[in-house]
Amino acid sequence: MADSIDFFLCQWLAELVFLKDASVLLLKYFKVRIEQNTSFQLEDTVFGEEIDPTRYQLTNDVKIVTLHPFKIEKKQEMEGKGDLRYLIPHHENCTN
């Protein structure tokens, strides 16, 4: 069970990496809803397609998700609900 939103989202992103590798997918669009009561719950819809090398020339591939650097910011609340923004810094080698 994830105790923090950072760890929870890191686990979800790691599942997406596994999904795209296992199914050879190019994931494009995401609709994600997260709620927290006694624990975090996530409902998602992910859109993509099989990777077609004749249509796409992929030069980068995500292989691992780490907690460093990883930052979740809560934006101003509206009507009791907050939006979370996941910031992904660009690194040539994300394992550094």
C-alpha atoms as a PDB file:
ATOM      1  CA  MET A   1       0.000   0.000   0.000  1.00  0.00           C
ATOM      2  CA  ALA A   2       1.349   3.425  -0.939  1.00  0.00           C
ATOM      3  CA  ASP A   3       1.641   5.869   1.935  1.00  0.00           C
ATOM      4  CA  SER A   4       2.418   8.937  -0.160  1.00  0.00           C
ATOM      5  CA  ILE A   5       1.066  10.296  -3.425  1.00  0.00           C
ATOM      6  CA  ASP A   6       4.621  10.354  -4.803  1.00  0.00           C
ATOM      7  CA  PHE A   7       5.138   6.633  -4.182  1.00  0.00           C
ATOM      8  CA  PHE A   8       1.607   5.802  -5.362  1.00  0.00           C
ATOM      9  CA  LEU A   9       2.090   7.585  -8.705  1.00  0.00           C
ATOM     10  CA  CYS A  10       5.572   6.126  -9.100  1.00  0.00           C
ATOM     11  CA  GLN A  11       4.049   2.635  -8.811  1.00  0.00           C
ATOM     12  CA  TRP A  12       1.365   3.522 -11.385  1.00  0.00           C
ATOM     13  CA  LEU A  13       3.947   4.887 -13.825  1.00  0.00           C
ATOM     14  CA  ALA A  14       6.047   1.726 -13.380  1.00  0.00           C
ATOM     15  CA  GLU A  15       2.956  -0.324 -14.315  1.00  0.00           C
ATOM     16  CA  LEU A  16       2.567   1.786 -17.471  1.00  0.00           C
ATOM     17  CA  VAL A  17       6.199   1.139 -18.406  1.00  0.00           C
ATOM     18  CA  PHE A  18       5.605  -2.597 -17.979  1.00  0.00           C
ATOM     19  CA  LEU A  19       2.390  -2.421 -20.033  1.00  0.00           C
ATOM     20  CA  LYS A  20       3.995  -0.559 -22.938  1.00  0.00           C
ATOM     21  CA  ASP A  21       6.969  -2.953 -22.993  1.00  0.00           C
ATOM     22  CA  ALA A  22       4.963  -6.166 -22.636  1.00  0.00           C
ATOM     23  CA  SER A  23       2.429  -5.150 -25.298  1.00  0.00           C
ATOM     24  CA  VAL A  24       4.797  -3.086 -27.499  1.00  0.00           C
ATOM     25  CA  LEU A  25       2.602  -0.007 -27.182  1.00  0.00           C
ATOM     26  CA  LEU A  26       2.962   3.683 -27.820  1.00  0.00           C
ATOM     27  CA  LEU A  27       0.865   5.291 -25.070  1.00  0.00           C
ATOM     28  CA  LYS A  28      -0.494   8.691 -26.102  1.00  0.00           C
ATOM     29  CA  TYR A  29      -3.388  10.003 -24.043  1.00  0.00           C
ATOM     30  CA  PHE A  30      -4.245   9.583 -20.392  1.00  0.00           C
ATOM     31  CA  LYS A  31      -7.301  10.300 -18.295  1.00  0.00           C
ATOM     32  CA  VAL A  32      -6.547   9.794 -14.613  1.00  0.00           C
ATOM     33  CA  ARG A  33      -8.648  10.298 -11.497  1.00  0.00           C
ATOM     34  CA  ILE A  34      -7.160   9.877  -8.018  1.00  0.00           C
ATOM     35  CA  GLU A  35      -9.063   9.868  -4.745  1.00  0.00           C
ATOM     36  CA  GLN A  36      -7.805   9.517  -1.212  1.00  0.00           C
ATOM     37  CA  ASN A  37      -9.877   8.254   1.678  1.00  0.00           C
ATOM     38  CA  THR A  38      -8.092   5.761   3.915  1.00  0.00           C
ATOM     39  CA  SER A  39      -5.868   4.910   0.941  1.00  0.00           C
ATOM     40  CA  PHE A  40      -5.296   6.121  -2.599  1.00  0.00           C
ATOM     41  CA  GLN A  41      -7.533   4.904  -5.409  1.00  0.00           C
ATOM     42  CA  LEU A  42      -6.807   5.530  -9.063  1.00  0.00           C
ATOM     43  CA  GLU A  43      -9.114   5.223 -12.047  1.00  0.00           C
ATOM     44  CA  ASP A  44      -7.485   5.591 -15.425  1.00  0.00           C
ATOM     45  CA  THR A  45      -8.088   5.312 -19.116  1.00  0.00           C
ATOM     46  CA  VAL A  46      -5.006   5.027 -21.297  1.00  0.00           C
ATOM     47  CA  PHE A  47      -5.078   5.350 -25.074  1.00  0.00           C
ATOM     48  CA  GLY A  48      -2.403   4.212 -27.465  1.00  0.00           C
ATOM     49  CA  GLU A  49      -1.587   1.822 -30.246  1.00  0.00           C
ATOM     50  CA  GLU A  50       0.874  -0.881 -31.168  1.00  0.00           C
ATOM     51  CA  ILE A  51       4.222   0.535 -32.211  1.00  0.00           C
ATOM     52  CA  ASP A  52       4.523   0.509 -35.990  1.00  0.00           C
ATOM     53  CA  PRO A  53       8.193   1.026 -36.936  1.00  0.00           C
ATOM     54  CA  THR A  54       7.150   2.140 -40.421  1.00  0.00           C
ATOM     55  CA  ARG A  55       5.209   5.069 -38.913  1.00  0.00           C
ATOM     56  CA  TYR A  56       7.335   5.979 -35.894  1.00  0.00           C
ATOM     57  CA  GLN A  57      11.043   6.493 -35.467  1.00  0.00           C
ATOM     58  CA  LEU A  58      11.467   6.222 -31.694  1.00  0.00           C
ATOM     59  CA  THR A  59      14.720   7.637 -30.348  1.00  0.00           C
ATOM     60  CA  ASN A  60      14.052   7.411 -26.584  1.00  0.00           C
ATOM     61  CA  ASP A  61      12.425   4.773 -24.421  1.00  0.00           C
ATOM     62  CA  VAL A  62      11.458   4.934 -20.753  1.00  0.00           C
ATOM     63  CA  LYS A  63      12.726   1.845 -18.951  1.00  0.00           C
ATOM     64  CA  ILE A  64      12.468   2.760 -15.278  1.00  0.00           C
ATOM     65  CA  VAL A  65      10.629   5.158 -12.989  1.00  0.00           C
ATOM     66  CA  THR A  66      12.439   6.439  -9.928  1.00  0.00           C
ATOM     67  CA  LEU A  67      11.424   8.613  -6.995  1.00  0.00           C
ATOM     68  CA  HIS A  68      14.345  10.976  -7.596  1.00  0.00           C
ATOM     69  CA  PRO A  69      13.712  13.609  -8.866  1.00  0.00           C
ATOM     70  CA  PHE A  70       9.953  13.344  -8.520  1.00  0.00           C
ATOM     71  CA  LYS A  71       7.698  16.178  -7.439  1.00  0.00           C
ATOM     72  CA  ILE A  72       3.959  16.422  -6.947  1.00  0.00           C
ATOM     73  CA  GLU A  73       2.449  19.880  -6.590  1.00  0.00           C
ATOM     74  CA  LYS A  74      -1.065  20.577  -5.415  1.00  0.00           C
ATOM     75  CA  LYS A  75      -2.643  23.466  -7.272  1.00  0.00           C
ATOM     76  CA  GLN A  76      -5.129  25.807  -5.646  1.00  0.00           C
ATOM     77  CA  GLU A  77      -8.293  24.086  -4.519  1.00  0.00           C
ATOM     78  CA  MET A  78     -11.598  24.711  -6.241  1.00  0.00           C
ATOM     79  CA  GLU A  79     -14.824  23.566  -4.628  1.00  0.00           C
ATOM     80  CA  GLY A  80     -12.978  21.201  -2.301  1.00  0.00           C
ATOM     81  CA  LYS A  81     -11.085  19.440  -5.083  1.00  0.00           C
ATOM     82  CA  GLY A  82      -7.427  19.842  -5.912  1.00  0.00           C
ATOM     83  CA  ASP A  83      -5.555  19.122  -9.089  1.00  0.00           C
ATOM     84  CA  LEU A  84      -2.197  17.385  -8.992  1.00  0.00           C
ATOM     85  CA  ARG A  85       0.516  18.117 -11.487  1.00  0.00           C
ATOM     86  CA  TYR A  86       3.258  15.571 -12.089  1.00  0.00           C
ATOM     87  CA  LEU A  87       6.481  17.236 -13.101  1.00  0.00           C
ATOM     88  CA  ILE A  88       8.879  15.138 -15.153  1.00  0.00           C
ATOM     89  CA  PRO A  89      12.358  16.625 -15.470  1.00  0.00           C
ATOM     90  CA  HIS A  90      14.202  15.805 -18.686  1.00  0.00           C
ATOM     91  CA  HIS A  91      17.449  13.901 -18.241  1.00  0.00           C
ATOM     92  CA  GLU A  92      19.728  12.266 -20.759  1.00  0.00           C
ATOM     93  CA  ASN A  93      20.192   9.443 -18.235  1.00  0.00           C
ATOM     94  CA  CYS A  94      17.500   9.286 -15.569  1.00  0.00           C
ATOM     95  CA  THR A  95      19.410   6.804 -13.397  1.00  0.00           C
ATOM     96  CA  ASN A  96      21.988   9.438 -12.384  1.00  0.00           C
END
